[in-house]
Amino acid sequence: LGGASGQMCNFDDFVGIDQGSLEGTGQGEDRFCGSKLLDHDFVISRSKPFQLKIRSNGDHFNNAFNSQIGYALRYTQLPCVI
């Protein structure tokens, strides 16, 4: 399974990263779900302050069916560029 974002995650567990996108530009998305973040396994956000949110819907049957068993994240803070 891959990753999904935005409204596709409304009824599922998701990780919330405001203004997340592959390039770090534009509006981006605020919800990411599935077995990875998008197709490249990374998200860039320029949102200030940076916040990471987790939502669990309690639907253990469908979450297990979709291989969503917990999460692990690795992050890097990029330097601010004016």
N, C-alpha and C. Protein backbone atom coordinates (compact mmCIF):
# COMPACT_ATOMS: atom_id res chain seq x y z
N LEU A 1 0.83 -1.20 0.00
CA LEU A 1 0.00 0.00 0.00
C LEU A 1 0.87 1.25 0.00
N GLY A 2 0.36 2.29 -0.58
CA GLY A 2 1.08 3.54 -0.60
C GLY A 2 0.49 4.53 0.38
N GLY A 3 0.76 5.77 0.13
CA GLY A 3 0.27 6.82 1.00
C GLY A 3 -0.82 7.63 0.31
N ALA A 4 -1.62 8.28 1.12
CA ALA A 4 -2.67 9.16 0.63
C ALA A 4 -2.60 10.45 1.43
N SER A 5 -3.32 11.46 0.98
CA SER A 5 -3.28 12.74 1.68
C SER A 5 -4.61 13.46 1.53
N GLY A 6 -4.75 14.53 2.32
CA GLY A 6 -5.93 15.38 2.24
C GLY A 6 -7.22 14.69 2.60
N GLN A 7 -8.26 14.93 1.82
CA GLN A 7 -9.59 14.41 2.11
C GLN A 7 -9.67 12.89 2.05
N MET A 8 -8.73 12.24 1.38
CA MET A 8 -8.74 10.78 1.34
C MET A 8 -8.49 10.19 2.73
N CYS A 9 -8.00 11.00 3.67
CA CYS A 9 -7.69 10.53 5.02
C CYS A 9 -8.76 10.90 6.04
N ASN A 10 -9.89 11.45 5.61
CA ASN A 10 -10.90 11.94 6.55
C ASN A 10 -11.41 10.88 7.51
N PHE A 11 -11.52 9.63 7.08
CA PHE A 11 -12.13 8.59 7.91
C PHE A 11 -11.12 7.54 8.34
N ASP A 12 -9.86 7.88 8.38
CA ASP A 12 -8.80 6.94 8.69
C ASP A 12 -7.87 7.55 9.73
N ASP A 13 -6.98 6.73 10.28
CA ASP A 13 -5.91 7.28 11.11
C ASP A 13 -5.02 8.12 10.21
N PHE A 14 -4.50 9.23 10.74
CA PHE A 14 -3.59 10.02 9.92
C PHE A 14 -2.58 10.78 10.76
N VAL A 15 -1.51 11.19 10.11
CA VAL A 15 -0.50 12.09 10.67
C VAL A 15 -0.81 13.46 10.08
N GLY A 16 -0.88 14.48 10.93
CA GLY A 16 -1.15 15.83 10.47
C GLY A 16 0.12 16.65 10.42
N ILE A 17 0.42 17.19 9.24
CA ILE A 17 1.56 18.09 9.04
C ILE A 17 1.04 19.24 8.19
N ASP A 18 0.88 20.42 8.78
CA ASP A 18 0.31 21.56 8.06
C ASP A 18 1.19 21.94 6.87
N GLN A 19 0.55 22.26 5.76
CA GLN A 19 1.20 22.71 4.52
C GLN A 19 2.27 21.73 4.04
N GLY A 20 2.03 20.44 4.19
CA GLY A 20 3.01 19.44 3.77
C GLY A 20 2.93 19.17 2.27
N SER A 21 4.09 19.13 1.62
CA SER A 21 4.15 18.82 0.19
C SER A 21 5.52 18.22 -0.13
N LEU A 22 5.69 17.77 -1.35
CA LEU A 22 6.98 17.20 -1.76
C LEU A 22 8.05 18.27 -1.95
N GLU A 23 7.64 19.48 -2.35
CA GLU A 23 8.61 20.54 -2.62
C GLU A 23 8.69 21.58 -1.51
N GLY A 24 7.72 21.61 -0.60
CA GLY A 24 7.70 22.63 0.44
C GLY A 24 7.17 23.96 -0.05
N THR A 25 6.46 23.95 -1.16
CA THR A 25 5.90 25.19 -1.71
C THR A 25 4.39 25.02 -1.87
N GLY A 26 3.70 26.14 -1.95
CA GLY A 26 2.26 26.10 -2.16
C GLY A 26 1.51 25.72 -0.89
N GLN A 27 0.21 25.53 -1.05
CA GLN A 27 -0.67 25.23 0.08
C GLN A 27 -0.38 23.88 0.70
N GLY A 28 -0.12 22.86 -0.10
CA GLY A 28 0.15 21.53 0.42
C GLY A 28 -1.08 20.88 1.03
N GLU A 29 -0.86 19.84 1.78
CA GLU A 29 -1.93 19.10 2.46
C GLU A 29 -1.71 19.16 3.96
N ASP A 30 -2.71 18.75 4.73
CA ASP A 30 -2.56 18.76 6.19
C ASP A 30 -2.74 17.38 6.81
N ARG A 31 -3.12 16.36 6.01
CA ARG A 31 -3.34 15.00 6.52
C ARG A 31 -2.65 14.00 5.61
N PHE A 32 -2.01 13.00 6.22
CA PHE A 32 -1.31 11.96 5.48
C PHE A 32 -1.63 10.62 6.13
N CYS A 33 -2.05 9.65 5.32
CA CYS A 33 -2.43 8.34 5.86
C CYS A 33 -1.93 7.24 4.93
N GLY A 34 -2.10 6.01 5.35
CA GLY A 34 -1.63 4.88 4.58
C GLY A 34 -0.34 4.34 5.17
N SER A 35 0.39 3.59 4.38
CA SER A 35 1.59 2.93 4.91
C SER A 35 2.85 3.75 4.71
N LYS A 36 2.76 4.92 4.04
CA LYS A 36 3.91 5.82 3.92
C LYS A 36 3.42 7.22 3.58
N LEU A 37 4.32 8.19 3.69
CA LEU A 37 3.99 9.57 3.36
C LEU A 37 4.14 9.78 1.86
N LEU A 38 3.05 9.98 1.19
CA LEU A 38 3.04 10.20 -0.26
C LEU A 38 3.83 9.12 -0.99
N ASP A 39 4.29 9.39 -2.19
CA ASP A 39 5.00 8.38 -2.97
C ASP A 39 6.50 8.38 -2.72
N HIS A 40 7.02 9.44 -2.13
CA HIS A 40 8.46 9.56 -1.93
C HIS A 40 8.89 9.33 -0.48
N ASP A 41 7.95 9.05 0.39
CA ASP A 41 8.26 8.80 1.81
C ASP A 41 8.77 10.02 2.56
N PHE A 42 8.56 11.22 2.03
CA PHE A 42 8.93 12.41 2.78
C PHE A 42 7.95 13.54 2.47
N VAL A 43 7.89 14.48 3.40
CA VAL A 43 7.03 15.66 3.27
C VAL A 43 7.83 16.85 3.76
N ILE A 44 7.73 17.97 3.06
CA ILE A 44 8.37 19.21 3.48
C ILE A 44 7.28 20.20 3.86
N SER A 45 7.45 20.85 5.02
CA SER A 45 6.50 21.86 5.48
C SER A 45 7.25 23.11 5.89
N ARG A 46 6.73 24.26 5.49
CA ARG A 46 7.30 25.54 5.92
C ARG A 46 6.39 26.22 6.93
N SER A 47 5.45 25.49 7.48
CA SER A 47 4.50 26.03 8.45
C SER A 47 5.23 26.44 9.72
N LYS A 48 4.86 27.61 10.25
CA LYS A 48 5.46 28.09 11.50
C LYS A 48 4.34 28.41 12.47
N PRO A 49 4.39 27.94 13.69
CA PRO A 49 5.36 26.95 14.18
C PRO A 49 5.04 25.58 13.60
N PHE A 50 6.06 24.75 13.46
CA PHE A 50 5.86 23.39 12.97
C PHE A 50 5.15 22.57 14.03
N GLN A 51 4.11 21.86 13.64
CA GLN A 51 3.38 20.99 14.57
C GLN A 51 3.14 19.65 13.90
N LEU A 52 3.27 18.60 14.67
CA LEU A 52 2.98 17.25 14.21
C LEU A 52 1.77 16.77 14.98
N LYS A 53 0.74 16.30 14.27
CA LYS A 53 -0.49 15.86 14.91
C LYS A 53 -0.76 14.41 14.53
N ILE A 54 -1.34 13.67 15.45
CA ILE A 54 -1.70 12.28 15.20
C ILE A 54 -3.18 12.10 15.50
N ARG A 55 -3.91 11.45 14.59
CA ARG A 55 -5.33 11.15 14.83
C ARG A 55 -5.54 9.65 14.67
N SER A 56 -6.17 9.06 15.66
CA SER A 56 -6.54 7.65 15.60
C SER A 56 -8.04 7.56 15.72
N ASN A 57 -8.67 6.82 14.82
CA ASN A 57 -10.13 6.76 14.81
C ASN A 57 -10.70 5.59 15.59
N GLY A 58 -9.88 4.69 16.10
CA GLY A 58 -10.37 3.57 16.88
C GLY A 58 -10.92 2.42 16.06
N ASP A 59 -10.83 2.46 14.74
CA ASP A 59 -11.32 1.39 13.88
C ASP A 59 -10.20 0.37 13.66
N HIS A 60 -9.99 -0.48 14.65
CA HIS A 60 -8.85 -1.39 14.64
C HIS A 60 -8.94 -2.42 13.52
N PHE A 61 -10.13 -2.84 13.14
CA PHE A 61 -10.27 -3.85 12.09
C PHE A 61 -9.76 -3.33 10.74
N ASN A 62 -10.30 -2.18 10.30
CA ASN A 62 -9.89 -1.64 9.00
C ASN A 62 -8.46 -1.13 9.02
N ASN A 63 -8.00 -0.59 10.14
CA ASN A 63 -6.62 -0.13 10.21
C ASN A 63 -5.66 -1.31 10.04
N ALA A 64 -5.94 -2.44 10.69
CA ALA A 64 -5.10 -3.62 10.54
C ALA A 64 -5.19 -4.17 9.12
N PHE A 65 -6.39 -4.13 8.53
CA PHE A 65 -6.58 -4.60 7.16
C PHE A 65 -5.72 -3.80 6.19
N ASN A 66 -5.56 -2.51 6.44
CA ASN A 66 -4.77 -1.63 5.58
C ASN A 66 -3.32 -1.52 6.02
N SER A 67 -2.85 -2.43 6.86
CA SER A 67 -1.46 -2.47 7.32
C SER A 67 -1.05 -1.23 8.09
N GLN A 68 -1.96 -0.67 8.83
CA GLN A 68 -1.65 0.51 9.63
C GLN A 68 -1.50 0.10 11.09
N ILE A 69 -0.33 -0.29 11.44
CA ILE A 69 -0.06 -0.74 12.81
C ILE A 69 1.00 0.19 13.39
N GLY A 70 0.56 1.24 14.04
CA GLY A 70 1.49 2.19 14.62
C GLY A 70 2.14 3.07 13.57
N TYR A 71 3.17 3.80 13.98
CA TYR A 71 3.88 4.66 13.05
C TYR A 71 5.29 4.89 13.57
N ALA A 72 6.16 5.26 12.68
CA ALA A 72 7.54 5.64 13.01
C ALA A 72 7.90 6.79 12.08
N LEU A 73 8.44 7.85 12.64
CA LEU A 73 8.82 9.01 11.85
C LEU A 73 10.27 9.39 12.13
N ARG A 74 10.96 9.80 11.10
CA ARG A 74 12.30 10.37 11.24
C ARG A 74 12.22 11.75 10.61
N TYR A 75 12.78 12.75 11.26
CA TYR A 75 12.66 14.10 10.70
C TYR A 75 14.00 14.81 10.70
N THR A 76 14.10 15.80 9.82
CA THR A 76 15.26 16.68 9.74
C THR A 76 14.73 18.09 9.66
N GLN A 77 15.27 18.97 10.50
CA GLN A 77 14.88 20.38 10.42
C GLN A 77 15.84 21.08 9.46
N LEU A 78 15.29 21.65 8.41
CA LEU A 78 16.09 22.36 7.42
C LEU A 78 16.33 23.78 7.89
N PRO A 79 17.47 24.38 7.54
CA PRO A 79 17.73 25.76 7.95
C PRO A 79 16.74 26.73 7.32
N CYS A 80 16.38 27.77 8.06
CA CYS A 80 15.48 28.80 7.55
C CYS A 80 16.23 29.66 6.53
N VAL A 81 15.57 29.94 5.42
CA VAL A 81 16.15 30.78 4.38
C VAL A 81 15.23 31.99 4.21
N ILE A 82 15.80 33.16 4.29
CA ILE A 82 15.00 34.39 4.18
C ILE A 82 14.92 34.83 2.74
